[in-house]
PDB file of N, CA and C in Angstrom:
ATOM      1  N   UNK A   1       0.858  -0.784   0.171  1.00  0.00           N
ATOM      2  CA  UNK A   1      -0.271  -0.020  -0.133  1.00  0.00           C
ATOM      3  C   UNK A   1       0.946   1.268   0.170  1.00  0.00           C
ATOM      4  N   UNK A   2       0.332   2.616  -0.210  1.00  0.00           N
ATOM      5  CA  UNK A   2       1.262   3.597  -0.829  1.00  0.00           C
ATOM      6  C   UNK A   2       1.465   4.245   0.530  1.00  0.00           C
ATOM      7  N   UNK A   3       2.068   5.706   0.293  1.00  0.00           N
ATOM      8  CA  UNK A   3       1.951   6.340   1.540  1.00  0.00           C
ATOM      9  C   UNK A   3       0.262   6.929   1.887  1.00  0.00           C
ATOM     10  N   UNK A   4       0.023   7.119   0.675  1.00  0.00           N
ATOM     11  CA  UNK A   4      -1.560   7.756   1.116  1.00  0.00           C
ATOM     12  C   UNK A   4      -2.594   7.270   0.753  1.00  0.00           C
ATOM     13  N   UNK A   5      -2.367   5.748   1.261  1.00  0.00           N
ATOM     14  CA  UNK A   5      -3.369   4.722   1.029  1.00  0.00           C
ATOM     15  C   UNK A   5      -5.057   5.256   1.698  1.00  0.00           C
ATOM     16  N   UNK A   6      -4.654   5.898   2.473  1.00  0.00           N
ATOM     17  CA  UNK A   6      -5.937   6.342   3.089  1.00  0.00           C
ATOM     18  C   UNK A   6      -6.593   7.553   1.778  1.00  0.00           C
ATOM     19  N   UNK A   7      -6.089   8.054   1.071  1.00  0.00           N
ATOM     20  CA  UNK A   7      -6.655   8.666   0.281  1.00  0.00           C
ATOM     21  C   UNK A   7      -7.173   7.658  -1.391  1.00  0.00           C
ATOM     22  N   UNK A   8      -7.177   6.582  -1.227  1.00  0.00           N
ATOM     23  CA  UNK A   8      -7.733   6.084  -1.682  1.00  0.00           C
ATOM     24  C   UNK A   8      -9.783   5.721  -2.150  1.00  0.00           C
ATOM     25  N   UNK A   9     -10.196   5.634  -3.078  1.00  0.00           N
ATOM     26  CA  UNK A   9     -11.690   6.164  -3.141  1.00  0.00           C
ATOM     27  C   UNK A   9     -12.850   4.990  -2.000  1.00  0.00           C
ATOM     28  N   UNK A  10     -11.844   3.883  -1.803  1.00  0.00           N
ATOM     29  CA  UNK A  10     -12.445   2.952  -1.238  1.00  0.00           C
ATOM     30  C   UNK A  10     -12.575   3.207   0.067  1.00  0.00           C
ATOM     31  N   UNK A  11     -12.004   4.097   0.846  1.00  0.00           N
ATOM     32  CA  UNK A  11     -12.169   4.584   2.542  1.00  0.00           C
ATOM     33  C   UNK A  11     -13.377   5.802   2.098  1.00  0.00           C
ATOM     34  N   UNK A  12     -13.506   5.940   1.283  1.00  0.00           N
ATOM     35  CA  UNK A  12     -15.138   6.879   1.408  1.00  0.00           C
ATOM     36  C   UNK A  12     -16.120   6.274   1.047  1.00  0.00           C
ATOM     37  N   UNK A  13     -16.232   4.945   0.931  1.00  0.00           N
ATOM     38  CA  UNK A  13     -17.509   4.033   0.674  1.00  0.00           C
ATOM     39  C   UNK A  13     -17.686   3.828   2.010  1.00  0.00           C
ATOM     40  N   UNK A  14     -19.193   3.246   2.339  1.00  0.00           N
ATOM     41  CA  UNK A  14     -19.439   3.040   3.541  1.00  0.00           C
ATOM     42  C   UNK A  14     -19.475   1.475   3.673  1.00  0.00           C
ATOM     43  N   UNK A  15     -19.286   1.200   4.997  1.00  0.00           N
ATOM     44  CA  UNK A  15     -18.868  -0.684   5.649  1.00  0.00           C
ATOM     45  C   UNK A  15     -19.698  -1.400   4.378  1.00  0.00           C
ATOM     46  N   UNK A  16     -20.957  -1.387   4.484  1.00  0.00           N
ATOM     47  CA  UNK A  16     -21.604  -2.246   3.650  1.00  0.00           C
ATOM     48  C   UNK A  16     -21.207  -2.039   2.436  1.00  0.00           C
ATOM     49  N   UNK A  17     -20.599  -1.551   1.612  1.00  0.00           N
ATOM     50  CA  UNK A  17     -20.050  -1.392   0.333  1.00  0.00           C
ATOM     51  C   UNK A  17     -19.300  -1.804   0.380  1.00  0.00           C
ATOM     52  N   UNK A  18     -18.006  -1.839   1.477  1.00  0.00           N
ATOM     53  CA  UNK A  18     -16.668  -2.691   1.332  1.00  0.00           C
ATOM     54  C   UNK A  18     -17.052  -4.082   1.539  1.00  0.00           C
ATOM     55  N   UNK A  19     -18.366  -4.237   2.433  1.00  0.00           N
ATOM     56  CA  UNK A  19     -18.432  -5.682   2.513  1.00  0.00           C
ATOM     57  C   UNK A  19     -18.756  -6.215   1.270  1.00  0.00           C
ATOM     58  N   UNK A  20     -19.388  -5.930   0.962  1.00  0.00           N
ATOM     59  CA  UNK A  20     -20.551  -6.096  -0.631  1.00  0.00           C
ATOM     60  C   UNK A  20     -19.163  -6.239  -1.827  1.00  0.00           C
ATOM     61  N   UNK A  21     -17.931  -5.450  -1.351  1.00  0.00           N
ATOM     62  CA  UNK A  21     -17.097  -5.706  -2.718  1.00  0.00           C
ATOM     63  C   UNK A  21     -15.859  -6.713  -2.218  1.00  0.00           C
ATOM     64  N   UNK A  22     -15.840  -6.989  -1.022  1.00  0.00           N
ATOM     65  CA  UNK A  22     -15.091  -8.463  -0.415  1.00  0.00           C
ATOM     66  C   UNK A  22     -15.617  -9.111  -0.930  1.00  0.00           C
ATOM     67  N   UNK A  23     -16.637  -9.357  -0.534  1.00  0.00           N
ATOM     68  CA  UNK A  23     -17.732 -10.605  -0.334  1.00  0.00           C
ATOM     69  C   UNK A  23     -17.946 -11.032  -1.874  1.00  0.00           C
ATOM     70  N   UNK A  24     -17.853 -10.625  -2.656  1.00  0.00           N
ATOM     71  CA  UNK A  24     -17.982 -10.592  -4.198  1.00  0.00           C
ATOM     72  C   UNK A  24     -16.793 -10.171  -5.301  1.00  0.00           C
ATOM     73  N   UNK A  25     -16.013 -10.802  -4.982  1.00  0.00           N
ATOM     74  CA  UNK A  25     -14.505 -10.253  -5.425  1.00  0.00           C
ATOM     75  C   UNK A  25     -14.681 -10.780  -6.837  1.00  0.00           C
ATOM     76  N   UNK A  26     -14.567  -9.573  -8.330  1.00  0.00           N
ATOM     77  CA  UNK A  26     -14.443  -9.931  -9.405  1.00  0.00           C
ATOM     78  C   UNK A  26     -15.919 -10.058 -10.057  1.00  0.00           C
ATOM     79  N   UNK A  27     -16.838  -9.548  -9.590  1.00  0.00           N
ATOM     80  CA  UNK A  27     -18.346  -9.787  -9.463  1.00  0.00           C
ATOM     81  C   UNK A  27     -18.879  -8.536 -10.498  1.00  0.00           C
ATOM     82  N   UNK A  28     -19.464  -8.683 -11.260  1.00  0.00           N
ATOM     83  CA  UNK A  28     -20.221  -7.286 -11.661  1.00  0.00           C
ATOM     84  C   UNK A  28     -20.936  -7.015 -10.469  1.00  0.00           C
ATOM     85  N   UNK A  29     -20.492  -5.646 -10.778  1.00  0.00           N
ATOM     86  CA  UNK A  29     -20.709  -4.533  -9.587  1.00  0.00           C
ATOM     87  C   UNK A  29     -22.564  -4.586  -9.619  1.00  0.00           C
ATOM     88  N   UNK A  30     -23.671  -4.866  -8.469  1.00  0.00           N
ATOM     89  CA  UNK A  30     -24.752  -4.251  -8.044  1.00  0.00           C
ATOM     90  C   UNK A  30     -24.977  -2.924  -8.771  1.00  0.00           C
ATOM     91  N   UNK A  31     -26.195  -2.639  -8.887  1.00  0.00           N
ATOM     92  CA  UNK A  31     -26.606  -1.035  -8.776  1.00  0.00           C
ATOM     93  C   UNK A  31     -25.981  -0.212  -7.554  1.00  0.00           C
ATOM     94  N   UNK A  32     -26.419  -0.814  -6.962  1.00  0.00           N
ATOM     95  CA  UNK A  32     -25.759  -0.320  -5.600  1.00  0.00           C
ATOM     96  C   UNK A  32     -24.459   0.149  -5.048  1.00  0.00           C
ATOM     97  N   UNK A  33     -23.575  -0.761  -5.315  1.00  0.00           N
ATOM     98  CA  UNK A  33     -22.439  -0.829  -5.256  1.00  0.00           C
ATOM     99  C   UNK A  33     -21.176  -0.163  -6.715  1.00  0.00           C
ATOM    100  N   UNK A  34     -22.236  -0.216  -7.854  1.00  0.00           N
ATOM    101  CA  UNK A  34     -21.824   0.755  -8.692  1.00  0.00           C
ATOM    102  C   UNK A  34     -21.854   2.268  -8.230  1.00  0.00           C
ATOM    103  N   UNK A  35     -22.996   2.432  -8.257  1.00  0.00           N
ATOM    104  CA  UNK A  35     -23.361   3.952  -7.326  1.00  0.00           C
ATOM    105  C   UNK A  35     -22.476   4.329  -6.102  1.00  0.00           C
ATOM    106  N   UNK A  36     -21.949   3.441  -5.398  1.00  0.00           N
ATOM    107  CA  UNK A  36     -21.168   3.983  -4.245  1.00  0.00           C
ATOM    108  C   UNK A  36     -20.100   4.144  -4.522  1.00  0.00           C
ATOM    109  N   UNK A  37     -19.603   3.206  -5.747  1.00  0.00           N
ATOM    110  CA  UNK A  37     -17.955   2.839  -5.960  1.00  0.00           C
ATOM    111  C   UNK A  37     -18.090   4.673  -6.907  1.00  0.00           C
ATOM    112  N   UNK A  38     -18.461   5.067  -8.078  1.00  0.00           N
ATOM    113  CA  UNK A  38     -18.472   6.091  -8.261  1.00  0.00           C
ATOM    114  C   UNK A  38     -18.568   7.211  -7.436  1.00  0.00           C
ATOM    115  N   UNK A  39     -19.504   7.205  -6.419  1.00  0.00           N
ATOM    116  CA  UNK A  39     -19.959   8.561  -6.005  1.00  0.00           C
ATOM    117  C   UNK A  39     -18.613   8.617  -4.650  1.00  0.00           C
ATOM    118  N   UNK A  40     -18.074   8.077  -4.864  1.00  0.00           N
ATOM    119  CA  UNK A  40     -16.885   7.584  -3.805  1.00  0.00           C
ATOM    120  C   UNK A  40     -15.583   8.345  -4.534  1.00  0.00           C
ATOM    121  N   UNK A  41     -15.259   8.573  -5.931  1.00  0.00           N
ATOM    122  CA  UNK A  41     -14.425   8.657  -7.075  1.00  0.00           C
ATOM    123  C   UNK A  41     -13.986   7.432  -7.606  1.00  0.00           C
ATOM    124  N   UNK A  42     -14.392   6.171  -7.490  1.00  0.00           N
ATOM    125  CA  UNK A  42     -13.882   5.428  -8.125  1.00  0.00           C
ATOM    126  C   UNK A  42     -14.390   5.329  -9.711  1.00  0.00           C
ATOM    127  N   UNK A  43     -13.529   4.326 -10.182  1.00  0.00           N
ATOM    128  CA  UNK A  43     -14.185   4.047 -11.895  1.00  0.00           C
ATOM    129  C   UNK A  43     -13.824   2.980 -12.100  1.00  0.00           C
ATOM    130  N   UNK A  44     -15.371   2.016 -12.519  1.00  0.00           N
ATOM    131  CA  UNK A  44     -15.413   1.284 -12.992  1.00  0.00           C
ATOM    132  C   UNK A  44     -15.268   0.686 -13.923  1.00  0.00           C
ATOM    133  N   UNK A  45     -14.401  -0.275 -14.668  1.00  0.00           N
ATOM    134  CA  UNK A  45     -14.619  -0.885 -15.933  1.00  0.00           C
ATOM    135  C   UNK A  45     -16.041  -1.284 -16.290  1.00  0.00           C
ATOM    136  N   UNK A  46     -16.104  -1.043 -17.793  1.00  0.00           N
ATOM    137  CA  UNK A  46     -17.219  -1.491 -18.201  1.00  0.00           C
ATOM    138  C   UNK A  46     -16.984  -2.645 -19.321  1.00  0.00           C
ATOM    139  N   UNK A  47     -17.502  -3.763 -19.183  1.00  0.00           N
ATOM    140  CA  UNK A  47     -17.440  -4.593 -20.146  1.00  0.00           C
ATOM    141  C   UNK A  47     -18.182  -4.512 -21.508  1.00  0.00           C
ATOM    142  N   UNK A  48     -17.832  -4.252 -22.755  1.00  0.00           N
ATOM    143  CA  UNK A  48     -18.335  -3.722 -23.306  1.00  0.00           C
ATOM    144  C   UNK A  48     -19.427  -4.756 -24.440  1.00  0.00           C
ATOM    145  N   UNK A  49     -19.229  -5.902 -23.872  1.00  0.00           N
ATOM    146  CA  UNK A  49     -20.042  -7.284 -24.095  1.00  0.00           C
ATOM    147  C   UNK A  49     -21.165  -6.999 -23.410  1.00  0.00           C
ATOM    148  N   UNK A  50     -21.370  -7.118 -21.853  1.00  0.00           N
ATOM    149  CA  UNK A  50     -22.148  -7.669 -21.241  1.00  0.00           C
ATOM    150  C   UNK A  50     -22.863  -6.144 -20.735  1.00  0.00           C
ATOM    151  N   UNK A  51     -22.057  -5.123 -20.506  1.00  0.00           N
ATOM    152  CA  UNK A  51     -22.756  -3.576 -20.303  1.00  0.00           C
ATOM    153  C   UNK A  51     -22.377  -3.534 -18.563  1.00  0.00           C
ATOM    154  N   UNK A  52     -22.229  -4.918 -18.418  1.00  0.00           N
ATOM    155  CA  UNK A  52     -21.716  -4.663 -16.274  1.00  0.00           C
ATOM    156  C   UNK A  52     -20.560  -4.026 -16.317  1.00  0.00           C
ATOM    157  N   UNK A  53     -20.247  -3.246 -14.924  1.00  0.00           N
ATOM    158  CA  UNK A  53     -19.613  -2.808 -14.438  1.00  0.00           C
ATOM    159  C   UNK A  53     -18.772  -3.464 -13.438  1.00  0.00           C
ATOM    160  N   UNK A  54     -17.296  -3.816 -13.442  1.00  0.00           N
ATOM    161  CA  UNK A  54     -16.424  -4.107 -12.782  1.00  0.00           C
ATOM    162  C   UNK A  54     -15.206  -3.307 -12.053  1.00  0.00           C
ATOM    163  N   UNK A  55     -14.871  -3.551 -10.777  1.00  0.00           N
ATOM    164  CA  UNK A  55     -13.775  -2.682 -10.285  1.00  0.00           C
ATOM    165  C   UNK A  55     -12.510  -3.094 -11.327  1.00  0.00           C
ATOM    166  N   UNK A  56     -11.408  -1.956 -11.297  1.00  0.00           N
ATOM    167  CA  UNK A  56     -10.110  -2.382 -12.004  1.00  0.00           C
ATOM    168  C   UNK A  56      -9.834  -2.893 -11.246  1.00  0.00           C
ATOM    169  N   UNK A  57      -8.438  -3.927 -12.117  1.00  0.00           N
ATOM    170  CA  UNK A  57      -7.537  -4.904 -11.170  1.00  0.00           C
ATOM    171  C   UNK A  57      -7.299  -4.217 -10.178  1.00  0.00           C
ATOM    172  N   UNK A  58      -6.732  -3.292 -10.410  1.00  0.00           N
ATOM    173  CA  UNK A  58      -5.711  -2.314  -9.531  1.00  0.00           C
ATOM    174  C   UNK A  58      -6.702  -1.987  -8.467  1.00  0.00           C
ATOM    175  N   UNK A  59      -7.657  -1.511  -8.356  1.00  0.00           N
ATOM    176  CA  UNK A  59      -8.794  -1.463  -7.211  1.00  0.00           C
ATOM    177  C   UNK A  59      -9.305  -2.801  -6.563  1.00  0.00           C
ATOM    178  N   UNK A  60      -9.345  -3.335  -7.029  1.00  0.00           N
ATOM    179  CA  UNK A  60      -9.667  -5.038  -6.779  1.00  0.00           C
ATOM    180  C   UNK A  60      -8.416  -5.748  -5.773  1.00  0.00           C
ATOM    181  N   UNK A  61      -7.027  -5.407  -6.315  1.00  0.00           N
ATOM    182  CA  UNK A  61      -5.864  -6.187  -6.033  1.00  0.00           C
ATOM    183  C   UNK A  61      -5.759  -5.068  -4.663  1.00  0.00           C
ATOM    184  N   UNK A  62      -6.259  -3.892  -4.607  1.00  0.00           N
ATOM    185  CA  UNK A  62      -6.206  -3.146  -3.545  1.00  0.00           C
ATOM    186  C   UNK A  62      -6.584  -3.370  -2.251  1.00  0.00           C
ATOM    187  N   UNK A  63      -7.942  -3.793  -2.569  1.00  0.00           N
ATOM    188  CA  UNK A  63      -9.073  -4.060  -1.794  1.00  0.00           C
ATOM    189  C   UNK A  63      -8.517  -5.665  -0.979  1.00  0.00           C
ATOM    190  N   UNK A  64      -8.345  -6.332  -1.720  1.00  0.00           N
ATOM    191  CA  UNK A  64      -7.610  -7.340  -1.250  1.00  0.00           C
ATOM    192  C   UNK A  64      -6.701  -7.377  -0.137  1.00  0.00           C
ATOM    193  N   UNK A  65      -5.244  -6.279  -0.466  1.00  0.00           N
ATOM    194  CA  UNK A  65      -4.598  -6.051  -0.214  1.00  0.00           C
ATOM    195  C   UNK A  65      -4.583  -5.523   1.563  1.00  0.00           C
ATOM    196  N   UNK A  66      -6.238  -4.767   1.690  1.00  0.00           N
ATOM    197  CA  UNK A  66      -6.419  -3.591   2.662  1.00  0.00           C
ATOM    198  C   UNK A  66      -7.078  -4.855   3.682  1.00  0.00           C
ATOM    199  N   UNK A  67      -7.690  -5.908   3.046  1.00  0.00           N
ATOM    200  CA  UNK A  67      -7.984  -7.143   3.794  1.00  0.00           C
ATOM    201  C   UNK A  67      -6.861  -8.001   4.574  1.00  0.00           C
ATOM    202  N   UNK A  68      -6.170  -8.106   3.964  1.00  0.00           N
ATOM    203  CA  UNK A  68      -4.599  -9.028   4.055  1.00  0.00           C
ATOM    204  C   UNK A  68      -4.014  -8.315   5.101  1.00  0.00           C
ATOM    205  N   UNK A  69      -4.224  -6.461   5.541  1.00  0.00           N
ATOM    206  CA  UNK A  69      -3.539  -6.176   6.266  1.00  0.00           C
ATOM    207  C   UNK A  69      -4.059  -5.433   7.734  1.00  0.00           C
ATOM    208  N   UNK A  70      -5.583  -6.021   7.244  1.00  0.00           N
ATOM    209  CA  UNK A  70      -6.206  -5.931   8.375  1.00  0.00           C
ATOM    210  C   UNK A  70      -7.193  -4.440   8.570  1.00  0.00           C
ATOM    211  N   UNK A  71      -7.218  -3.760   7.622  1.00  0.00           N
ATOM    212  CA  UNK A  71      -7.739  -2.437   7.368  1.00  0.00           C
ATOM    213  C   UNK A  71      -8.896  -2.553   7.018  1.00  0.00           C
ATOM    214  N   UNK A  72      -9.541  -3.412   6.666  1.00  0.00           N
ATOM    215  CA  UNK A  72     -11.069  -3.821   5.887  1.00  0.00           C
ATOM    216  C   UNK A  72     -11.441  -5.109   7.067  1.00  0.00           C
ATOM    217  N   UNK A  73     -12.309  -5.219   7.517  1.00  0.00           N
ATOM    218  CA  UNK A  73     -13.153  -6.323   7.935  1.00  0.00           C
ATOM    219  C   UNK A  73     -13.356  -6.802   6.660  1.00  0.00           C
ATOM    220  N   UNK A  74     -13.240  -8.289   7.140  1.00  0.00           N
ATOM    221  CA  UNK A  74     -13.214  -9.378   6.025  1.00  0.00           C
ATOM    222  C   UNK A  74     -14.877 -10.328   6.639  1.00  0.00           C
ATOM    223  N   UNK A  75     -16.112  -9.882   5.412  1.00  0.00           N
ATOM    224  CA  UNK A  75     -16.912 -10.208   6.023  1.00  0.00           C
ATOM    225  C   UNK A  75     -17.297 -11.985   6.208  1.00  0.00           C
ATOM    226  N   UNK A  76     -16.158 -12.406   5.682  1.00  0.00           N
ATOM    227  CA  UNK A  76     -16.460 -13.729   5.666  1.00  0.00           C
ATOM    228  C   UNK A  76     -15.948 -14.539   6.979  1.00  0.00           C
ATOM    229  N   UNK A  77     -15.006 -13.787   7.911  1.00  0.00           N
ATOM    230  CA  UNK A  77     -15.073 -14.426   8.958  1.00  0.00           C
ATOM    231  C   UNK A  77     -16.224 -14.352   9.615  1.00  0.00           C
TER     232      UNK A  77
END
């Protein structure tokens, strides 16, 4: 994680959104998750074939790293 890791958009999301993102890795974003990610400053990637939106790989990896570091509760525990 970078020195400015607390500046990442994920930290502006509600806990419920973080839980959904952790519990649904690499899944298409629900409408609520999409709205929360965009509202927090994230930039989901659109699959042109399906129209679904996903977290960018770098954002997904950042979220995984936060979980490993214990900075975000893992809802599966």
